[in-house]
Amino acid sequence: MTTTASDVDVVFKALADPTRRALLDLLFTRPRTTGELVDEFPHLSRYAIMKHLDVLDEAGLIIITREGRHRWNRLNAMPIRLIYERWVSKYADRWSQSMTQLKRLCEDDSDDRAARDR
């Protein structure tokens, strides 16, 4: 699956909002109807939650299906995984390598000090 810079931008923008991240956290546990999600945010209107869900849908972060009068929202973690593979993992690898080198230096220094103390 090819991901364009535009696709990634849309996902990052969707994830930038704390309410949308909270919605995704709720959907991580299980699919929920829009009504259930609205009930979780009593300080927001139904309209506001629907707008947030539309942004998440446009970013491909949720899958919406309709069953009768209910609109079910399900997490689609694939865009987050693609961002992880493209951005996070390569930087985490570099950080991990640096930490491993630091650990070795500290252990070598500790071994040198122990040898001197004998």
N, C-alpha and C. Protein backbone atom coordinates (compact mmCIF):
# COMPACT_ATOMS: atom_id res chain seq x y z
N MET A 1 0.84 -1.17 0.00
CA MET A 1 0.00 0.00 0.00
C MET A 1 0.89 1.24 0.00
N THR A 2 0.70 2.11 -0.96
CA THR A 2 1.49 3.32 -1.07
C THR A 2 0.80 4.44 -0.31
N THR A 3 1.57 5.15 0.48
CA THR A 3 1.05 6.24 1.27
C THR A 3 1.70 7.53 0.78
N THR A 4 0.87 8.50 0.40
CA THR A 4 1.40 9.78 -0.06
C THR A 4 1.57 10.72 1.11
N ALA A 5 2.33 11.79 0.86
CA ALA A 5 2.53 12.80 1.91
C ALA A 5 1.20 13.40 2.32
N SER A 6 0.31 13.57 1.37
CA SER A 6 -1.02 14.12 1.66
C SER A 6 -1.80 13.20 2.60
N ASP A 7 -1.73 11.88 2.37
CA ASP A 7 -2.40 10.91 3.25
C ASP A 7 -1.87 11.01 4.67
N VAL A 8 -0.57 11.10 4.79
CA VAL A 8 0.06 11.18 6.10
C VAL A 8 -0.33 12.48 6.80
N ASP A 9 -0.36 13.58 6.05
CA ASP A 9 -0.75 14.86 6.63
C ASP A 9 -2.16 14.81 7.21
N VAL A 10 -3.08 14.18 6.48
CA VAL A 10 -4.47 14.08 6.93
C VAL A 10 -4.54 13.29 8.24
N VAL A 11 -3.77 12.22 8.33
CA VAL A 11 -3.78 11.40 9.55
C VAL A 11 -3.18 12.18 10.72
N PHE A 12 -2.04 12.84 10.49
CA PHE A 12 -1.43 13.63 11.56
C PHE A 12 -2.38 14.73 12.04
N LYS A 13 -3.04 15.39 11.12
CA LYS A 13 -3.98 16.45 11.51
C LYS A 13 -5.15 15.87 12.31
N ALA A 14 -5.63 14.71 11.93
CA ALA A 14 -6.72 14.07 12.67
C ALA A 14 -6.27 13.70 14.07
N LEU A 15 -5.04 13.22 14.20
CA LEU A 15 -4.52 12.80 15.50
C LEU A 15 -4.10 13.98 16.38
N ALA A 16 -4.02 15.17 15.81
CA ALA A 16 -3.56 16.33 16.56
C ALA A 16 -4.57 16.79 17.61
N ASP A 17 -5.82 16.43 17.45
CA ASP A 17 -6.86 16.91 18.35
C ASP A 17 -7.08 15.92 19.50
N PRO A 18 -7.07 16.40 20.75
CA PRO A 18 -7.23 15.49 21.89
C PRO A 18 -8.59 14.79 21.94
N THR A 19 -9.63 15.45 21.48
CA THR A 19 -10.95 14.80 21.47
C THR A 19 -10.97 13.64 20.49
N ARG A 20 -10.36 13.84 19.34
CA ARG A 20 -10.31 12.75 18.34
C ARG A 20 -9.46 11.59 18.85
N ARG A 21 -8.38 11.89 19.55
CA ARG A 21 -7.57 10.81 20.12
C ARG A 21 -8.37 10.06 21.19
N ALA A 22 -9.16 10.78 21.97
CA ALA A 22 -10.00 10.13 22.99
C ALA A 22 -11.05 9.24 22.32
N LEU A 23 -11.61 9.70 21.21
CA LEU A 23 -12.57 8.87 20.47
C LEU A 23 -11.90 7.59 19.98
N LEU A 24 -10.69 7.71 19.46
CA LEU A 24 -9.97 6.52 18.99
C LEU A 24 -9.67 5.58 20.15
N ASP A 25 -9.33 6.13 21.30
CA ASP A 25 -9.08 5.28 22.48
C ASP A 25 -10.33 4.48 22.84
N LEU A 26 -11.48 5.13 22.77
CA LEU A 26 -12.73 4.41 23.06
C LEU A 26 -12.99 3.32 22.02
N LEU A 27 -12.71 3.63 20.76
CA LEU A 27 -12.96 2.66 19.70
C LEU A 27 -11.93 1.53 19.71
N PHE A 28 -10.80 1.75 20.35
CA PHE A 28 -9.80 0.69 20.47
C PHE A 28 -10.36 -0.48 21.27
N THR A 29 -11.17 -0.17 22.27
CA THR A 29 -11.70 -1.23 23.14
C THR A 29 -12.79 -2.04 22.45
N ARG A 30 -13.62 -1.35 21.65
CA ARG A 30 -14.69 -2.06 20.92
C ARG A 30 -15.39 -1.08 19.99
N PRO A 31 -16.08 -1.58 18.95
CA PRO A 31 -16.90 -0.70 18.11
C PRO A 31 -18.01 -0.06 18.94
N ARG A 32 -18.38 1.15 18.58
CA ARG A 32 -19.45 1.85 19.30
C ARG A 32 -20.34 2.59 18.32
N THR A 33 -21.58 2.75 18.73
CA THR A 33 -22.49 3.57 17.93
C THR A 33 -22.15 5.04 18.17
N THR A 34 -22.59 5.87 17.26
CA THR A 34 -22.36 7.30 17.43
C THR A 34 -23.02 7.80 18.71
N GLY A 35 -24.19 7.29 19.02
CA GLY A 35 -24.88 7.68 20.25
C GLY A 35 -24.07 7.34 21.49
N GLU A 36 -23.43 6.17 21.51
CA GLU A 36 -22.59 5.79 22.64
C GLU A 36 -21.41 6.74 22.79
N LEU A 37 -20.84 7.12 21.66
CA LEU A 37 -19.71 8.05 21.71
C LEU A 37 -20.14 9.43 22.20
N VAL A 38 -21.30 9.87 21.74
CA VAL A 38 -21.82 11.16 22.20
C VAL A 38 -22.01 11.14 23.71
N ASP A 39 -22.51 10.04 24.25
CA ASP A 39 -22.73 9.93 25.70
C ASP A 39 -21.44 10.02 26.50
N GLU A 40 -20.31 9.65 25.90
CA GLU A 40 -19.02 9.69 26.59
C GLU A 40 -18.46 11.11 26.72
N PHE A 41 -19.04 12.05 25.98
CA PHE A 41 -18.55 13.43 25.98
C PHE A 41 -19.71 14.39 26.27
N PRO A 42 -20.18 14.41 27.51
CA PRO A 42 -21.35 15.23 27.83
C PRO A 42 -21.14 16.73 27.63
N HIS A 43 -19.89 17.18 27.61
CA HIS A 43 -19.59 18.60 27.43
C HIS A 43 -19.61 19.02 25.95
N LEU A 44 -19.75 18.04 25.03
CA LEU A 44 -19.79 18.34 23.60
C LEU A 44 -21.15 18.00 23.02
N SER A 45 -21.52 18.71 21.98
CA SER A 45 -22.80 18.44 21.32
C SER A 45 -22.66 17.24 20.39
N ARG A 46 -23.79 16.68 20.02
CA ARG A 46 -23.80 15.58 19.06
C ARG A 46 -23.16 16.04 17.74
N TYR A 47 -23.47 17.27 17.36
CA TYR A 47 -22.92 17.83 16.12
C TYR A 47 -21.39 17.88 16.18
N ALA A 48 -20.82 18.30 17.32
CA ALA A 48 -19.37 18.37 17.46
C ALA A 48 -18.74 16.98 17.34
N ILE A 49 -19.34 15.99 17.98
CA ILE A 49 -18.81 14.62 17.89
C ILE A 49 -18.89 14.12 16.45
N MET A 50 -20.00 14.41 15.77
CA MET A 50 -20.15 13.99 14.37
C MET A 50 -19.06 14.62 13.50
N LYS A 51 -18.73 15.89 13.75
CA LYS A 51 -17.67 16.55 12.98
C LYS A 51 -16.32 15.87 13.24
N HIS A 52 -16.05 15.54 14.49
CA HIS A 52 -14.80 14.84 14.82
C HIS A 52 -14.76 13.47 14.13
N LEU A 53 -15.88 12.77 14.15
CA LEU A 53 -15.94 11.46 13.49
C LEU A 53 -15.74 11.60 11.98
N ASP A 54 -16.26 12.66 11.39
CA ASP A 54 -16.06 12.89 9.96
C ASP A 54 -14.58 13.08 9.63
N VAL A 55 -13.86 13.82 10.48
CA VAL A 55 -12.42 14.02 10.28
C VAL A 55 -11.68 12.69 10.38
N LEU A 56 -12.05 11.89 11.38
CA LEU A 56 -11.41 10.57 11.54
C LEU A 56 -11.72 9.66 10.37
N ASP A 57 -12.93 9.75 9.85
CA ASP A 57 -13.34 8.95 8.70
C ASP A 57 -12.55 9.38 7.45
N GLU A 58 -12.43 10.67 7.23
CA GLU A 58 -11.68 11.18 6.07
C GLU A 58 -10.22 10.76 6.13
N ALA A 59 -9.68 10.64 7.33
CA ALA A 59 -8.28 10.21 7.51
C ALA A 59 -8.14 8.69 7.41
N GLY A 60 -9.27 7.98 7.32
CA GLY A 60 -9.22 6.53 7.24
C GLY A 60 -8.99 5.86 8.58
N LEU A 61 -9.13 6.61 9.67
CA LEU A 61 -8.86 6.07 11.00
C LEU A 61 -10.04 5.32 11.60
N ILE A 62 -11.21 5.51 11.04
CA ILE A 62 -12.37 4.75 11.48
C ILE A 62 -13.12 4.23 10.26
N ILE A 63 -13.86 3.18 10.48
CA ILE A 63 -14.74 2.61 9.45
C ILE A 63 -16.15 2.74 10.00
N ILE A 64 -17.00 3.35 9.21
CA ILE A 64 -18.38 3.59 9.63
C ILE A 64 -19.30 2.67 8.83
N THR A 65 -20.16 1.96 9.55
CA THR A 65 -21.17 1.15 8.90
C THR A 65 -22.53 1.50 9.51
N ARG A 66 -23.56 1.32 8.73
CA ARG A 66 -24.92 1.60 9.20
C ARG A 66 -25.68 0.29 9.31
N GLU A 67 -26.34 0.15 10.43
CA GLU A 67 -27.21 -1.01 10.66
C GLU A 67 -28.54 -0.45 11.16
N GLY A 68 -29.49 -0.40 10.28
CA GLY A 68 -30.78 0.19 10.65
C GLY A 68 -30.60 1.65 11.00
N ARG A 69 -31.05 2.03 12.18
CA ARG A 69 -30.93 3.42 12.62
C ARG A 69 -29.58 3.72 13.28
N HIS A 70 -28.76 2.71 13.45
CA HIS A 70 -27.49 2.90 14.16
C HIS A 70 -26.32 3.07 13.19
N ARG A 71 -25.45 3.96 13.56
CA ARG A 71 -24.21 4.16 12.81
C ARG A 71 -23.08 3.64 13.70
N TRP A 72 -22.44 2.55 13.27
CA TRP A 72 -21.36 1.92 14.04
C TRP A 72 -20.02 2.47 13.58
N ASN A 73 -19.17 2.76 14.55
CA ASN A 73 -17.83 3.28 14.30
C ASN A 73 -16.83 2.27 14.81
N ARG A 74 -15.89 1.91 13.93
CA ARG A 74 -14.85 0.94 14.28
C ARG A 74 -13.48 1.55 14.00
N LEU A 75 -12.53 1.22 14.84
CA LEU A 75 -11.16 1.70 14.65
C LEU A 75 -10.55 0.99 13.45
N ASN A 76 -9.85 1.77 12.62
CA ASN A 76 -9.02 1.22 11.56
C ASN A 76 -7.59 1.67 11.88
N ALA A 77 -6.81 0.79 12.45
CA ALA A 77 -5.47 1.15 12.93
C ALA A 77 -4.42 1.18 11.82
N MET A 78 -4.77 0.77 10.62
CA MET A 78 -3.78 0.70 9.54
C MET A 78 -3.07 2.03 9.27
N PRO A 79 -3.77 3.16 9.19
CA PRO A 79 -3.03 4.41 8.95
C PRO A 79 -2.04 4.73 10.07
N ILE A 80 -2.38 4.40 11.29
CA ILE A 80 -1.45 4.65 12.41
C ILE A 80 -0.24 3.73 12.28
N ARG A 81 -0.48 2.49 11.88
CA ARG A 81 0.62 1.54 11.68
C ARG A 81 1.56 2.01 10.58
N LEU A 82 0.99 2.53 9.48
CA LEU A 82 1.82 3.02 8.39
C LEU A 82 2.68 4.21 8.83
N ILE A 83 2.11 5.08 9.63
CA ILE A 83 2.89 6.21 10.15
C ILE A 83 3.98 5.69 11.08
N TYR A 84 3.66 4.72 11.90
CA TYR A 84 4.66 4.14 12.78
C TYR A 84 5.82 3.58 11.97
N GLU A 85 5.49 2.80 10.94
CA GLU A 85 6.55 2.19 10.14
C GLU A 85 7.37 3.23 9.40
N ARG A 86 6.72 4.29 8.92
CA ARG A 86 7.43 5.30 8.13
C ARG A 86 8.22 6.27 9.01
N TRP A 87 7.65 6.68 10.12
CA TRP A 87 8.26 7.75 10.92
C TRP A 87 8.82 7.29 12.26
N VAL A 88 8.03 6.64 13.04
CA VAL A 88 8.42 6.35 14.42
C VAL A 88 9.50 5.28 14.50
N SER A 89 9.32 4.19 13.79
CA SER A 89 10.25 3.07 13.95
C SER A 89 11.67 3.43 13.55
N LYS A 90 11.85 4.20 12.49
CA LYS A 90 13.23 4.51 12.08
C LYS A 90 13.92 5.39 13.10
N TYR A 91 13.19 6.30 13.75
CA TYR A 91 13.79 7.14 14.78
C TYR A 91 13.97 6.37 16.08
N ALA A 92 13.06 5.46 16.36
CA ALA A 92 13.20 4.63 17.56
C ALA A 92 14.42 3.73 17.43
N ASP A 93 14.67 3.21 16.23
CA ASP A 93 15.85 2.37 16.01
C ASP A 93 17.13 3.16 16.29
N ARG A 94 17.18 4.38 15.80
CA ARG A 94 18.38 5.21 16.01
C ARG A 94 18.56 5.50 17.50
N TRP A 95 17.47 5.84 18.20
CA TRP A 95 17.51 6.12 19.62
C TRP A 95 17.95 4.87 20.38
N SER A 96 17.41 3.73 19.99
CA SER A 96 17.74 2.47 20.64
C SER A 96 19.23 2.16 20.46
N GLN A 97 19.75 2.40 19.28
CA GLN A 97 21.18 2.18 19.04
C GLN A 97 22.03 3.08 19.94
N SER A 98 21.62 4.33 20.06
CA SER A 98 22.37 5.28 20.91
C SER A 98 22.35 4.83 22.36
N MET A 99 21.21 4.37 22.83
CA MET A 99 21.10 3.92 24.21
C MET A 99 21.95 2.66 24.44
N THR A 100 22.00 1.78 23.46
CA THR A 100 22.82 0.58 23.57
C THR A 100 24.31 0.96 23.66
N GLN A 101 24.72 1.92 22.82
CA GLN A 101 26.11 2.38 22.86
C GLN A 101 26.43 3.02 24.21
N LEU A 102 25.50 3.82 24.74
CA LEU A 102 25.71 4.45 26.04
C LEU A 102 25.84 3.40 27.13
N LYS A 103 25.01 2.39 27.08
CA LYS A 103 25.06 1.30 28.06
C LYS A 103 26.43 0.62 28.02
N ARG A 104 26.90 0.34 26.82
CA ARG A 104 28.21 -0.31 26.68
C ARG A 104 29.32 0.57 27.25
N LEU A 105 29.27 1.87 26.95
CA LEU A 105 30.29 2.79 27.46
C LEU A 105 30.27 2.82 28.99
N CYS A 106 29.08 2.86 29.55
CA CYS A 106 28.96 2.88 31.02
C CYS A 106 29.48 1.58 31.62
N GLU A 107 29.15 0.47 31.01
CA GLU A 107 29.62 -0.82 31.52
C GLU A 107 31.13 -0.94 31.39
N ASP A 108 31.68 -0.48 30.25
CA ASP A 108 33.12 -0.52 30.06
C ASP A 108 33.82 0.34 31.11
N ASP A 109 33.27 1.53 31.35
CA ASP A 109 33.84 2.43 32.35
C ASP A 109 33.76 1.80 33.73
N SER A 110 32.67 1.16 34.02
CA SER A 110 32.49 0.49 35.31
C SER A 110 33.49 -0.65 35.47
N ASP A 111 33.71 -1.42 34.40
CA ASP A 111 34.68 -2.51 34.43
C ASP A 111 36.09 -1.97 34.66
N ASP A 112 36.41 -0.84 34.00
CA ASP A 112 37.73 -0.22 34.16
C ASP A 112 37.93 0.22 35.60
N ARG A 113 36.90 0.84 36.21
CA ARG A 113 37.00 1.29 37.59
C ARG A 113 37.16 0.10 38.54
N ALA A 114 36.45 -0.96 38.29
CA ALA A 114 36.53 -2.16 39.15
C ALA A 114 37.92 -2.76 39.07
N ALA A 115 38.53 -2.77 37.88
CA ALA A 115 39.86 -3.32 37.72
C ALA A 115 40.89 -2.47 38.46
N ARG A 116 40.71 -1.14 38.41
CA ARG A 116 41.63 -0.25 39.11
C ARG A 116 41.53 -0.38 40.63
N ASP A 117 40.33 -0.65 41.10
CA ASP A 117 40.10 -0.75 42.55
C ASP A 117 40.67 -2.03 43.14
N ARG A 118 41.00 -2.99 42.33
CA ARG A 118 41.50 -4.29 42.85
C ARG A 118 42.88 -4.19 43.34
